[in-house]
């Protein structure tokens, strides 16, 4: 069996603190069970075979800590040293990296030195996995590329494009949380594979049997879908249906990746439901339901103000019509008020509810806003839950903070235009809200 000789360098402080801002429960799971996600990472987005981890190094500041999100805890600080034994048990070489000053430890420098040393080792490493969002390591990625080595970045934050553009693969926060939770990972631009469209010709042709050992779960899936389909009084939203079924049938859905079909749409297609048709993200019975108006996709070209266009180019800000932004903030506020926060669930839930409003916002776009809000100092798991205006203020503040870090200069009028497009209305008294934290 072919193997990819791989080296993994984990900046624990950077990755854990970033994950903790987004989803504290998953961050703790990441740190307590590194062996679980490490095994899954061995087969994620790889070419040439499973990764064989020849180097596993975790760079950790034992005195580092974050504030616990539960105010009832006797110890308000969660120290990183608590997780050291977990990484030792998982086979990592844990390297203590105390801070040199109030803001910086030596992890990034140690990673660079160790990775460059590995280039001259007798063993040839096929791939270097750098788990960090620290753009200071951009020169390292350039050096690895010159040596014709594959690279992967694993980052919980929206890392600088100059950093991510050099890598062969990038696992962002949404991918990383899915990896930790054992969910399937879609590295395509639009990670909505559970609700992707399927062609009516595929319905008739794609009828592979379910994965081995999944017959009972598959029959339960068949029963639930058939019942939903037979009793539906209007076209069904595929994304919403996929989410409901996943909740009812877990863990069989994740373990089998939709019973061996790979995606929700192919699993539904295998059922050969009578008179089934799809359009956009809807499915319906042509004998009972009138054909719905197709849900339009994100416009291929949205006329954007110049500063928004620049943010799209430099920071990958989603290019969406202006009215979509306040709808996203309202939907996220509704989620925060009604649900226990989980990033993976949140992006699905918000996407489904937005599409029910006729807005085909992708999970990527929702995740972009959630990350910006969290790094802007207003995480959705905060208590009391944030309002739509607070979410908007934190998100826009973080976007402007990242723009400043990327040396994108805006005039006062252009900053006002950013606020006018993304919301909330520009107010000098709140301009600095959310701009104190910059993901490294």
Protein backbone atom coordinates (compact mmCIF):
# COMPACT_ATOMS: atom_id res chain seq x y z
CA UNK A 1 0.00 0.00 0.00
CA UNK A 2 1.34 3.42 -0.95
CA UNK A 3 1.96 5.97 1.79
CA UNK A 4 2.65 9.68 1.80
CA UNK A 5 5.59 10.47 4.06
CA UNK A 6 4.26 13.42 6.04
CA UNK A 7 5.40 15.82 8.77
CA UNK A 8 2.92 17.71 10.95
CA UNK A 9 3.86 20.86 12.87
CA UNK A 10 1.12 22.14 15.20
CA UNK A 11 1.20 25.62 16.76
CA UNK A 12 -1.11 24.62 19.59
CA UNK A 13 -1.65 28.09 21.07
CA UNK A 14 -2.63 29.54 17.69
CA UNK A 15 -4.97 26.73 16.64
CA UNK A 16 -6.59 26.05 20.01
CA UNK A 17 -7.23 29.71 20.85
CA UNK A 18 -8.70 30.26 17.38
CA UNK A 19 -10.98 27.25 17.69
CA UNK A 20 -11.95 28.26 21.22
CA UNK A 21 -13.22 31.62 19.98
CA UNK A 22 -15.38 29.82 17.43
CA UNK A 23 -16.63 26.79 19.38
CA UNK A 24 -15.25 26.09 22.88
CA UNK A 25 -16.68 22.56 23.13
CA UNK A 26 -15.08 21.42 19.86
CA UNK A 27 -11.81 23.15 20.76
CA UNK A 28 -11.59 21.14 24.00
CA UNK A 29 -12.41 17.95 22.10
CA UNK A 30 -9.64 18.82 19.63
CA UNK A 31 -7.16 19.09 22.52
CA UNK A 32 -8.38 16.10 24.54
CA UNK A 33 -8.50 13.60 21.67
CA UNK A 34 -5.82 14.51 19.11
CA UNK A 35 -5.52 10.87 18.10
CA UNK A 36 -9.05 10.89 16.67
CA UNK A 37 -8.68 13.82 14.30
CA UNK A 38 -5.09 12.80 13.49
CA UNK A 39 -6.32 9.45 12.13
CA UNK A 40 -8.95 11.20 10.01
CA UNK A 41 -6.44 13.77 8.77
CA UNK A 42 -4.28 10.92 7.50
CA UNK A 43 -6.85 10.25 4.76
CA UNK A 44 -8.19 13.78 4.16
CA UNK A 45 -7.37 15.56 0.89
CA UNK A 46 -4.36 13.42 0.17
CA UNK A 47 -2.93 12.08 -3.06
CA UNK A 48 -0.82 8.99 -3.48
CA UNK A 49 -2.12 7.13 -0.44
CA UNK A 50 -2.66 7.51 3.29
CA UNK A 51 -0.36 9.86 5.15
CA UNK A 52 2.28 8.15 7.28
CA UNK A 53 3.16 10.55 10.06
CA UNK A 54 6.95 10.43 10.30
CA UNK A 55 7.07 13.68 12.29
CA UNK A 56 4.42 14.82 14.78
CA UNK A 57 5.34 17.94 16.72
CA UNK A 58 3.15 20.07 18.96
CA UNK A 59 4.53 23.46 20.04
CA UNK A 60 2.79 24.51 23.26
CA UNK A 61 3.17 27.23 25.85
CA UNK A 62 2.50 25.37 29.14
CA UNK A 63 1.63 28.64 30.87
CA UNK A 64 -0.83 29.67 28.15
CA UNK A 65 -4.54 29.82 28.92
CA UNK A 66 -7.96 31.02 27.87
CA UNK A 67 -10.91 32.11 29.99
CA UNK A 68 -13.47 29.36 30.46
CA UNK A 69 -16.83 30.14 28.88
CA UNK A 70 -18.75 28.63 31.81
CA UNK A 71 -18.81 31.26 34.58
CA UNK A 72 -19.70 28.55 37.12
CA UNK A 73 -16.29 26.90 36.88
CA UNK A 74 -14.22 27.10 40.04
CA UNK A 75 -11.06 27.80 38.01
CA UNK A 76 -11.82 30.61 35.52
CA UNK A 77 -8.73 29.86 33.42
CA UNK A 78 -8.23 26.84 31.19
CA UNK A 79 -4.47 26.20 30.99
CA UNK A 80 -2.91 24.63 27.92
CA UNK A 81 -0.71 22.40 30.08
CA UNK A 82 -3.85 20.36 30.86
CA UNK A 83 -3.72 18.97 27.32
CA UNK A 84 -0.04 18.08 27.16
CA UNK A 85 -0.55 14.40 28.17
CA UNK A 86 -3.19 13.97 25.44
CA UNK A 87 -0.72 14.88 22.71
CA UNK A 88 2.01 12.73 24.25
CA UNK A 89 -0.35 9.73 24.21
CA UNK A 90 -1.21 10.47 20.56
CA UNK A 91 2.47 10.19 19.61
CA UNK A 92 3.34 13.87 19.36
CA UNK A 93 6.70 15.25 20.36
CA UNK A 94 5.50 18.11 22.58
CA UNK A 95 7.87 21.06 22.61
CA UNK A 96 7.41 23.66 25.32
CA UNK A 97 7.44 27.20 23.94
CA UNK A 98 7.10 29.76 26.74
CA UNK A 99 6.42 33.35 25.82
CA UNK A 100 9.36 35.61 25.08
CA UNK A 101 7.23 38.68 25.79
CA UNK A 102 3.62 39.53 26.59
CA UNK A 103 2.30 38.62 23.14
CA UNK A 104 4.67 36.21 21.39
CA UNK A 105 6.12 32.78 22.01
CA UNK A 106 8.74 30.95 19.99
CA UNK A 107 6.43 28.45 18.29
CA UNK A 108 6.53 29.99 14.82
CA UNK A 109 10.32 30.29 14.83
CA UNK A 110 10.75 26.73 16.11
CA UNK A 111 8.41 25.40 13.40
CA UNK A 112 10.34 27.20 10.68
CA UNK A 113 13.71 25.95 11.94
CA UNK A 114 12.48 22.37 12.37
CA UNK A 115 10.78 22.24 8.97
CA UNK A 116 13.84 23.62 7.17
CA UNK A 117 16.03 21.10 9.00
CA UNK A 118 13.69 18.35 7.78
CA UNK A 119 14.35 19.37 4.19
CA UNK A 120 17.99 18.36 4.56
CA UNK A 121 17.27 15.12 6.45
CA UNK A 122 18.11 11.74 4.95
CA UNK A 123 14.40 10.94 4.79
CA UNK A 124 12.49 12.74 2.05
CA UNK A 125 9.19 14.10 3.37
CA UNK A 126 6.54 14.24 0.66
CA UNK A 127 4.22 16.63 2.48
CA UNK A 128 4.44 19.22 5.24
CA UNK A 129 1.28 19.99 7.21
CA UNK A 130 1.47 23.35 9.00
CA UNK A 131 -1.30 23.74 11.58
CA UNK A 132 -1.30 27.48 12.19
CA UNK A 133 -2.92 30.62 10.89
CA UNK A 134 0.20 32.70 11.52
CA UNK A 135 1.02 34.44 8.24
CA UNK A 136 4.57 35.05 9.53
CA UNK A 137 5.30 31.57 8.21
CA UNK A 138 4.62 32.55 4.60
CA UNK A 139 8.39 32.41 3.80
CA UNK A 140 8.43 28.82 5.09
CA UNK A 141 5.69 27.84 2.63
CA UNK A 142 7.67 29.51 -0.16
CA UNK A 143 10.79 27.60 0.86
CA UNK A 144 8.91 24.28 0.89
CA UNK A 145 7.45 24.98 -2.54
CA UNK A 146 10.91 25.69 -3.97
CA UNK A 147 11.92 22.25 -2.69
CA UNK A 148 8.97 20.68 -4.53
CA UNK A 149 7.17 19.48 -1.40
CA UNK A 150 3.41 19.39 -1.00
CA UNK A 151 2.00 21.59 1.75
CA UNK A 152 -1.23 21.81 3.68
CA UNK A 153 -2.30 24.62 6.00
CA UNK A 154 -4.71 23.90 8.85
CA UNK A 155 -6.00 27.18 10.24
CA UNK A 156 -8.99 28.11 12.43
CA UNK A 157 -8.86 31.74 11.28
CA UNK A 158 -9.16 33.43 7.91
CA UNK A 159 -5.44 33.47 7.23
CA UNK A 160 -3.87 35.99 4.88
CA UNK A 161 -4.25 35.06 1.22
CA UNK A 162 -0.50 35.46 0.67
CA UNK A 163 -0.12 32.60 3.17
CA UNK A 164 -2.90 30.29 1.96
CA UNK A 165 -2.29 30.85 -1.77
CA UNK A 166 1.07 29.09 -1.57
CA UNK A 167 -0.30 25.89 -0.03
CA UNK A 168 -1.54 22.92 -2.04
CA UNK A 169 -4.44 22.41 0.38
CA UNK A 170 -6.08 24.58 3.04
CA UNK A 171 -8.31 23.31 5.83
CA UNK A 172 -10.20 26.29 7.25
CA UNK A 173 -12.14 26.47 10.50
CA UNK A 174 -15.23 24.80 9.08
CA UNK A 175 -13.17 21.90 7.71
CA UNK A 176 -11.21 21.63 10.96
CA UNK A 177 -14.32 21.48 13.13
CA UNK A 178 -15.81 18.84 10.84
CA UNK A 179 -12.54 16.87 11.11
CA UNK A 180 -12.61 17.00 14.91
CA UNK A 181 -16.27 15.98 15.06
CA UNK A 182 -15.83 13.11 12.63
CA UNK A 183 -17.96 14.61 9.87
CA UNK A 184 -17.29 14.40 6.14
CA UNK A 185 -15.17 17.19 4.69
CA UNK A 186 -15.90 18.86 1.35
CA UNK A 187 -12.98 20.94 0.09
CA UNK A 188 -14.91 22.35 -2.86
CA UNK A 189 -15.70 26.05 -2.99
CA UNK A 190 -19.31 25.45 -1.98
CA UNK A 191 -19.47 22.91 0.84
CA UNK A 192 -23.16 22.13 0.50
CA UNK A 193 -22.78 18.62 -0.82
CA UNK A 194 -25.65 17.31 1.27
CA UNK A 195 -28.04 19.46 -0.74
CA UNK A 196 -26.37 19.63 -4.13
CA UNK A 197 -28.60 19.34 -7.18
CA UNK A 198 -28.96 16.08 -9.01
CA UNK A 199 -29.95 15.60 -12.60
CA UNK A 200 -33.13 13.67 -13.37
CA UNK A 201 -31.09 11.34 -15.62
CA UNK A 202 -28.82 10.53 -12.68
CA UNK A 203 -31.89 9.51 -10.67
CA UNK A 204 -32.50 6.65 -13.03
CA UNK A 205 -28.88 5.61 -13.45
CA UNK A 206 -27.18 5.97 -10.07
CA UNK A 207 -28.53 3.07 -8.00
CA UNK A 208 -25.55 1.51 -6.26
CA UNK A 209 -26.35 -0.53 -3.14
CA UNK A 210 -25.76 0.95 0.31
CA UNK A 211 -22.47 0.40 2.08
CA UNK A 212 -21.86 -2.98 3.64
CA UNK A 213 -23.54 -3.36 7.03
CA UNK A 214 -25.77 -0.34 6.48
CA UNK A 215 -28.94 -2.08 5.25
CA UNK A 216 -31.00 -1.41 8.41
CA UNK A 217 -29.99 2.24 8.57
CA UNK A 218 -30.59 2.61 4.84
CA UNK A 219 -34.09 1.18 5.17
CA UNK A 220 -34.78 3.64 7.99
CA UNK A 221 -33.55 6.39 5.67
CA UNK A 222 -35.85 5.11 2.90
CA UNK A 223 -38.84 5.06 5.24
CA UNK A 224 -38.27 8.60 6.53
CA UNK A 225 -37.66 10.14 3.10
CA UNK A 226 -40.64 8.34 1.56
CA UNK A 227 -42.89 9.56 4.36
CA UNK A 228 -41.67 13.15 4.03
CA UNK A 229 -42.08 13.00 0.26
CA UNK A 230 -45.58 11.46 0.39
CA UNK A 231 -46.92 13.92 2.96
CA UNK A 232 -45.29 17.08 1.65
CA UNK A 233 -47.80 19.73 0.61
CA UNK A 234 -45.16 21.76 -1.21
CA UNK A 235 -41.64 21.27 -2.58
CA UNK A 236 -39.12 20.14 0.05
CA UNK A 237 -35.95 22.07 0.81
CA UNK A 238 -33.19 19.47 0.36
CA UNK A 239 -30.79 21.17 2.77
CA UNK A 240 -33.40 21.25 5.54
CA UNK A 241 -34.40 17.66 4.85
CA UNK A 242 -30.77 16.50 4.94
CA UNK A 243 -30.23 18.22 8.28
CA UNK A 244 -33.35 16.64 9.84
CA UNK A 245 -32.43 13.18 8.60
CA UNK A 246 -28.84 13.47 9.77
CA UNK A 247 -30.11 14.35 13.24
CA UNK A 248 -32.46 11.36 13.32
CA UNK A 249 -30.09 8.79 11.83
CA UNK A 250 -26.72 9.68 13.35
CA UNK A 251 -24.17 8.16 13.68
CA UNK A 252 -24.98 5.93 10.71
CA UNK A 253 -24.98 8.88 8.29
CA UNK A 254 -21.50 10.11 9.21
CA UNK A 255 -20.01 6.62 9.63
CA UNK A 256 -21.19 5.51 6.18
CA UNK A 257 -21.06 8.93 4.44
CA UNK A 258 -24.72 8.70 3.44
CA UNK A 259 -24.77 4.88 3.22
CA UNK A 260 -21.89 4.73 0.81
CA UNK A 261 -23.42 7.13 -1.74
CA UNK A 262 -21.17 10.01 -0.68
CA UNK A 263 -23.82 12.75 -0.71
CA UNK A 264 -27.42 13.23 0.37
CA UNK A 265 -28.61 13.82 -3.18
CA UNK A 266 -27.24 10.49 -4.42
CA UNK A 267 -28.78 8.66 -1.49
CA UNK A 268 -32.18 10.19 -2.33
CA UNK A 269 -31.68 9.40 -6.02
CA UNK A 270 -31.17 5.73 -5.13
CA UNK A 271 -34.73 5.55 -3.74
CA UNK A 272 -36.31 6.14 -7.19
CA UNK A 273 -39.23 8.08 -5.74
CA UNK A 274 -42.14 8.34 -8.20
CA UNK A 275 -42.49 11.57 -10.22
CA UNK A 276 -39.44 13.12 -8.54
CA UNK A 277 -38.01 16.34 -9.94
CA UNK A 278 -35.47 18.80 -8.55
CA UNK A 279 -34.52 22.39 -9.20
CA UNK A 280 -32.07 24.52 -7.29
CA UNK A 281 -32.23 23.13 -3.75
CA UNK A 282 -35.81 21.86 -3.91
CA UNK A 283 -37.36 18.50 -4.70
CA UNK A 284 -41.03 17.83 -5.44
CA UNK A 285 -43.60 15.39 -6.80
CA UNK A 286 -44.67 16.53 -10.27
CA UNK A 287 -48.03 14.77 -9.90
CA UNK A 288 -48.97 16.78 -6.79
CA UNK A 289 -46.88 19.94 -6.66
CA UNK A 290 -46.64 22.80 -9.14
CA UNK A 291 -43.09 23.42 -10.31
CA UNK A 292 -41.57 26.04 -8.00
CA UNK A 293 -39.84 29.13 -9.20
CA UNK A 294 -36.18 28.26 -9.31
CA UNK A 295 -34.18 29.68 -6.44
CA UNK A 296 -31.59 31.89 -8.04
CA UNK A 297 -27.98 31.24 -7.20
CA UNK A 298 -25.59 33.91 -6.05
CA UNK A 299 -25.43 36.44 -8.89
CA UNK A 300 -22.38 35.83 -11.03
CA UNK A 301 -21.65 39.52 -10.92
CA UNK A 302 -22.88 41.86 -8.22
CA UNK A 303 -22.18 45.54 -8.70
CA UNK A 304 -20.14 46.34 -5.61
CA UNK A 305 -18.80 49.63 -4.27
CA UNK A 306 -15.06 49.92 -4.85
CA UNK A 307 -14.02 49.34 -1.20
CA UNK A 308 -16.19 46.20 -1.03
CA UNK A 309 -14.66 44.97 -4.29
CA UNK A 310 -11.19 45.46 -2.80
CA UNK A 311 -12.16 43.55 0.34
CA UNK A 312 -13.42 40.74 -1.86
CA UNK A 313 -10.15 40.62 -3.76
CA UNK A 314 -7.85 40.87 -0.75
CA UNK A 315 -9.80 39.17 2.07
CA UNK A 316 -12.18 36.88 0.15
CA UNK A 317 -15.16 38.80 1.50
CA UNK A 318 -18.22 37.05 -0.02
CA UNK A 319 -19.60 38.99 -2.99
CA UNK A 320 -23.27 39.26 -2.11
CA UNK A 321 -26.05 41.82 -2.68
CA UNK A 322 -26.37 44.38 0.10
CA UNK A 323 -29.80 43.18 1.39
CA UNK A 324 -28.36 39.72 2.11
CA UNK A 325 -26.04 40.97 4.87
CA UNK A 326 -28.69 42.14 7.39
CA UNK A 327 -30.64 38.94 6.70
CA UNK A 328 -27.55 36.90 7.66
CA UNK A 329 -27.11 38.88 10.89
CA UNK A 330 -30.79 38.43 11.83
CA UNK A 331 -30.66 34.71 11.09
CA UNK A 332 -27.50 34.22 13.16
CA UNK A 333 -29.03 36.17 16.04
CA UNK A 334 -32.10 33.92 15.85
CA UNK A 335 -29.87 30.86 15.93
CA UNK A 336 -27.90 32.17 18.93
CA UNK A 337 -31.14 32.86 20.81
CA UNK A 338 -32.68 29.45 20.14
CA UNK A 339 -29.83 26.91 19.89
CA UNK A 340 -26.78 25.72 21.81
CA UNK A 341 -23.94 26.90 19.61
CA UNK A 342 -22.11 24.46 17.36
CA UNK A 343 -20.38 25.93 14.32
CA UNK A 344 -21.10 23.04 11.98
CA UNK A 345 -24.76 22.98 12.93
CA UNK A 346 -24.93 26.78 12.87
CA UNK A 347 -23.75 27.13 9.28
CA UNK A 348 -26.20 24.46 8.11
CA UNK A 349 -29.09 25.90 10.12
CA UNK A 350 -28.49 29.46 8.94
CA UNK A 351 -28.05 28.40 5.32
CA UNK A 352 -31.31 26.45 5.37
CA UNK A 353 -33.27 29.28 7.00
CA UNK A 354 -31.85 31.85 4.60
CA UNK A 355 -32.80 29.71 1.62
CA UNK A 356 -36.31 29.41 3.01
CA UNK A 357 -36.32 33.21 2.79
CA UNK A 358 -35.30 32.95 -0.88
CA UNK A 359 -31.65 33.87 -0.24
CA UNK A 360 -29.22 31.21 -1.54
CA UNK A 361 -26.41 32.07 0.87
CA UNK A 362 -23.71 29.40 1.03
CA UNK A 363 -22.36 27.78 4.17
CA UNK A 364 -18.98 29.27 3.25
CA UNK A 365 -20.45 32.76 3.45
CA UNK A 366 -22.22 32.03 6.73
CA UNK A 367 -19.01 30.59 8.17
CA UNK A 368 -17.08 33.67 7.05
CA UNK A 369 -19.47 35.90 9.01
CA UNK A 370 -19.44 33.67 12.09
CA UNK A 371 -15.63 33.65 12.16
CA UNK A 372 -15.47 37.41 11.71
CA UNK A 373 -18.00 37.93 14.47
CA UNK A 374 -16.09 35.66 16.85
CA UNK A 375 -12.69 37.23 16.16
CA UNK A 376 -14.39 40.60 16.38
CA UNK A 377 -15.11 39.92 20.05
CA UNK A 378 -18.76 38.90 19.83
CA UNK A 379 -18.96 35.08 19.55
CA UNK A 380 -22.35 33.52 19.01
CA UNK A 381 -21.89 31.30 22.06
CA UNK A 382 -21.73 34.40 24.27
CA UNK A 383 -24.23 34.79 27.07
CA UNK A 384 -26.48 36.66 26.77
CA UNK A 385 -26.68 35.87 23.04
CA UNK A 386 -25.71 38.75 20.74
CA UNK A 387 -28.28 40.74 18.82
CA UNK A 388 -28.23 41.20 15.05
CA UNK A 389 -26.77 44.71 15.46
CA UNK A 390 -24.03 43.44 17.76
CA UNK A 391 -23.17 40.70 15.27
CA UNK A 392 -23.02 43.24 12.45
CA UNK A 393 -20.86 45.65 14.45
CA UNK A 394 -18.37 42.94 15.47
CA UNK A 395 -18.19 41.50 11.95
CA UNK A 396 -17.62 44.82 10.20
CA UNK A 397 -15.09 45.83 12.84
CA UNK A 398 -13.14 42.63 12.26
CA UNK A 399 -13.25 43.05 8.47
CA UNK A 400 -11.81 46.54 8.82
CA UNK A 401 -9.21 45.27 11.30
CA UNK A 402 -8.09 42.60 8.85
CA UNK A 403 -8.01 45.18 6.08
CA UNK A 404 -5.76 47.35 8.21
CA UNK A 405 -3.47 44.38 8.93
CA UNK A 406 -3.32 43.68 5.18
CA UNK A 407 -2.40 47.34 4.58
CA UNK A 408 -5.60 48.08 2.67
CA UNK A 409 -6.08 51.79 3.23
CA UNK A 410 -9.52 53.38 3.21
CA UNK A 411 -10.58 56.99 3.47
CA UNK A 412 -13.31 57.99 5.90
CA UNK A 413 -15.80 58.03 3.04
CA UNK A 414 -14.77 54.52 2.00
CA UNK A 415 -15.12 53.26 5.58
CA UNK A 416 -18.59 54.76 5.62
CA UNK A 417 -19.32 52.94 2.34
CA UNK A 418 -18.21 49.64 3.92
CA UNK A 419 -20.60 50.24 6.82
CA UNK A 420 -23.39 51.22 4.44
CA UNK A 421 -22.97 47.98 2.48
CA UNK A 422 -22.28 45.52 5.29
CA UNK A 423 -24.06 47.36 8.12
CA UNK A 424 -24.57 48.60 10.74
CA UNK A 425 -24.73 52.34 9.89
CA UNK A 426 -21.40 54.07 10.39
CA UNK A 427 -20.98 55.52 13.89
CA UNK A 428 -17.62 56.88 15.04
CA UNK A 429 -18.41 55.92 18.63
CA UNK A 430 -18.60 52.22 17.69
CA UNK A 431 -16.04 52.16 14.89
CA UNK A 432 -13.45 50.47 17.09
CA UNK A 433 -15.80 47.75 18.33
CA UNK A 434 -14.48 44.41 17.17
CA UNK A 435 -11.23 45.88 15.87
CA UNK A 436 -9.04 44.96 18.82
CA UNK A 437 -8.43 41.33 17.82
CA UNK A 438 -6.62 40.41 14.64
CA UNK A 439 -6.19 36.77 13.80
CA UNK A 440 -2.49 36.29 13.24
